[in-house]
């Protein structure tokens, strides 16, 4: 078990909010992200408003375009503690 680190949730952020926050930090519009990912803008809007599930494949596509790890989108608000 020494190879594992404990994680804990630090903030309440939904998956959709995490996508929106990262997109906005990179100064991308939903249309910009749609063009980069070939995911329709309406789907991106649905994800950001938690009406459409992100899913593993969409998480991979969005993460690549947003230059982050898919886990950042799928598990927002979690941090890893280093075990003592």
C-alpha atoms as a PDB file:
ATOM      1  CA  UNK A   1       0.000   0.000   0.000  1.00  0.00           C
ATOM      2  CA  UNK A   2       3.002   2.345   0.235  1.00  0.00           C
ATOM      3  CA  UNK A   3       2.799   2.911  -3.543  1.00  0.00           C
ATOM      4  CA  UNK A   4      -0.621   4.533  -3.240  1.00  0.00           C
ATOM      5  CA  UNK A   5      -1.493   8.045  -2.181  1.00  0.00           C
ATOM      6  CA  UNK A   6      -4.640   9.100  -0.377  1.00  0.00           C
ATOM      7  CA  UNK A   7      -6.890  11.535  -2.179  1.00  0.00           C
ATOM      8  CA  UNK A   8      -9.518  13.847  -0.867  1.00  0.00           C
ATOM      9  CA  UNK A   9     -12.088  16.156  -2.321  1.00  0.00           C
ATOM     10  CA  UNK A  10     -11.222  19.798  -1.746  1.00  0.00           C
ATOM     11  CA  UNK A  11     -13.965  21.723  -3.590  1.00  0.00           C
ATOM     12  CA  UNK A  12     -17.410  21.047  -4.997  1.00  0.00           C
ATOM     13  CA  UNK A  13     -17.085  21.339  -8.771  1.00  0.00           C
ATOM     14  CA  UNK A  14     -19.161  19.374 -11.245  1.00  0.00           C
ATOM     15  CA  UNK A  15     -17.654  17.717 -14.299  1.00  0.00           C
ATOM     16  CA  UNK A  16     -19.363  20.281 -16.512  1.00  0.00           C
ATOM     17  CA  UNK A  17     -18.035  23.163 -14.440  1.00  0.00           C
ATOM     18  CA  UNK A  18     -14.512  21.779 -14.716  1.00  0.00           C
ATOM     19  CA  UNK A  19     -14.767  21.665 -18.520  1.00  0.00           C
ATOM     20  CA  UNK A  20     -16.109  25.235 -18.615  1.00  0.00           C
ATOM     21  CA  UNK A  21     -13.462  26.564 -16.205  1.00  0.00           C
ATOM     22  CA  UNK A  22     -10.553  25.020 -18.100  1.00  0.00           C
ATOM     23  CA  UNK A  23     -11.999  26.143 -21.446  1.00  0.00           C
ATOM     24  CA  UNK A  24     -12.429  29.712 -20.210  1.00  0.00           C
ATOM     25  CA  UNK A  25      -8.951  29.803 -18.663  1.00  0.00           C
ATOM     26  CA  UNK A  26      -7.606  29.052 -22.125  1.00  0.00           C
ATOM     27  CA  UNK A  27      -9.779  31.820 -23.573  1.00  0.00           C
ATOM     28  CA  UNK A  28     -11.677  29.437 -25.834  1.00  0.00           C
ATOM     29  CA  UNK A  29     -15.332  29.809 -26.725  1.00  0.00           C
ATOM     30  CA  UNK A  30     -17.571  26.769 -26.976  1.00  0.00           C
ATOM     31  CA  UNK A  31     -17.414  27.212 -30.752  1.00  0.00           C
ATOM     32  CA  UNK A  32     -13.596  27.266 -30.646  1.00  0.00           C
ATOM     33  CA  UNK A  33     -13.557  24.057 -28.620  1.00  0.00           C
ATOM     34  CA  UNK A  34     -16.106  22.477 -30.943  1.00  0.00           C
ATOM     35  CA  UNK A  35     -13.865  23.245 -33.920  1.00  0.00           C
ATOM     36  CA  UNK A  36     -10.821  21.747 -32.158  1.00  0.00           C
ATOM     37  CA  UNK A  37     -12.594  18.582 -31.029  1.00  0.00           C
ATOM     38  CA  UNK A  38     -15.253  18.033 -33.694  1.00  0.00           C
ATOM     39  CA  UNK A  39     -17.733  17.709 -30.814  1.00  0.00           C
ATOM     40  CA  UNK A  40     -20.822  19.792 -31.627  1.00  0.00           C
ATOM     41  CA  UNK A  41     -21.108  23.070 -29.712  1.00  0.00           C
ATOM     42  CA  UNK A  42     -24.537  22.001 -28.472  1.00  0.00           C
ATOM     43  CA  UNK A  43     -22.976  18.868 -26.924  1.00  0.00           C
ATOM     44  CA  UNK A  44     -20.258  20.933 -25.255  1.00  0.00           C
ATOM     45  CA  UNK A  45     -22.952  23.226 -23.857  1.00  0.00           C
ATOM     46  CA  UNK A  46     -24.853  20.189 -22.576  1.00  0.00           C
ATOM     47  CA  UNK A  47     -21.720  18.818 -20.901  1.00  0.00           C
ATOM     48  CA  UNK A  48     -20.911  22.164 -19.283  1.00  0.00           C
ATOM     49  CA  UNK A  49     -24.470  22.444 -17.975  1.00  0.00           C
ATOM     50  CA  UNK A  50     -24.436  18.829 -16.705  1.00  0.00           C
ATOM     51  CA  UNK A  51     -27.246  17.772 -19.059  1.00  0.00           C
ATOM     52  CA  UNK A  52     -25.003  15.404 -21.049  1.00  0.00           C
ATOM     53  CA  UNK A  53     -22.579  12.919 -19.487  1.00  0.00           C
ATOM     54  CA  UNK A  54     -18.963  13.551 -20.392  1.00  0.00           C
ATOM     55  CA  UNK A  55     -18.014   9.905 -20.933  1.00  0.00           C
ATOM     56  CA  UNK A  56     -14.544   8.447 -21.287  1.00  0.00           C
ATOM     57  CA  UNK A  57     -14.064   9.030 -25.021  1.00  0.00           C
ATOM     58  CA  UNK A  58     -15.248  12.636 -24.910  1.00  0.00           C
ATOM     59  CA  UNK A  59     -13.062  13.220 -21.842  1.00  0.00           C
ATOM     60  CA  UNK A  60     -10.018  12.026 -23.802  1.00  0.00           C
ATOM     61  CA  UNK A  61     -10.849  14.229 -26.796  1.00  0.00           C
ATOM     62  CA  UNK A  62     -11.562  17.315 -24.697  1.00  0.00           C
ATOM     63  CA  UNK A  63      -8.499  16.779 -22.494  1.00  0.00           C
ATOM     64  CA  UNK A  64      -6.234  16.587 -25.516  1.00  0.00           C
ATOM     65  CA  UNK A  65      -7.607  19.860 -26.899  1.00  0.00           C
ATOM     66  CA  UNK A  66      -7.558  21.528 -23.466  1.00  0.00           C
ATOM     67  CA  UNK A  67      -4.016  20.242 -22.824  1.00  0.00           C
ATOM     68  CA  UNK A  68      -4.814  18.518 -19.546  1.00  0.00           C
ATOM     69  CA  UNK A  69      -5.150  14.968 -18.241  1.00  0.00           C
ATOM     70  CA  UNK A  70      -8.638  13.445 -18.641  1.00  0.00           C
ATOM     71  CA  UNK A  71      -8.783  12.865 -14.870  1.00  0.00           C
ATOM     72  CA  UNK A  72      -8.745  16.640 -14.358  1.00  0.00           C
ATOM     73  CA  UNK A  73     -12.086  16.764 -16.160  1.00  0.00           C
ATOM     74  CA  UNK A  74     -13.595  13.549 -14.810  1.00  0.00           C
ATOM     75  CA  UNK A  75     -12.574  13.989 -11.141  1.00  0.00           C
ATOM     76  CA  UNK A  76     -12.716  17.754 -10.513  1.00  0.00           C
ATOM     77  CA  UNK A  77     -11.911  19.026  -7.051  1.00  0.00           C
ATOM     78  CA  UNK A  78      -9.776  16.053  -5.959  1.00  0.00           C
ATOM     79  CA  UNK A  79      -6.200  16.324  -4.784  1.00  0.00           C
ATOM     80  CA  UNK A  80      -3.632  13.681  -3.925  1.00  0.00           C
ATOM     81  CA  UNK A  81      -1.974  13.732  -0.532  1.00  0.00           C
ATOM     82  CA  UNK A  82       1.567  12.471  -0.213  1.00  0.00           C
ATOM     83  CA  UNK A  83       1.682   9.755   2.446  1.00  0.00           C
ATOM     84  CA  UNK A  84       4.077  10.430   5.277  1.00  0.00           C
END
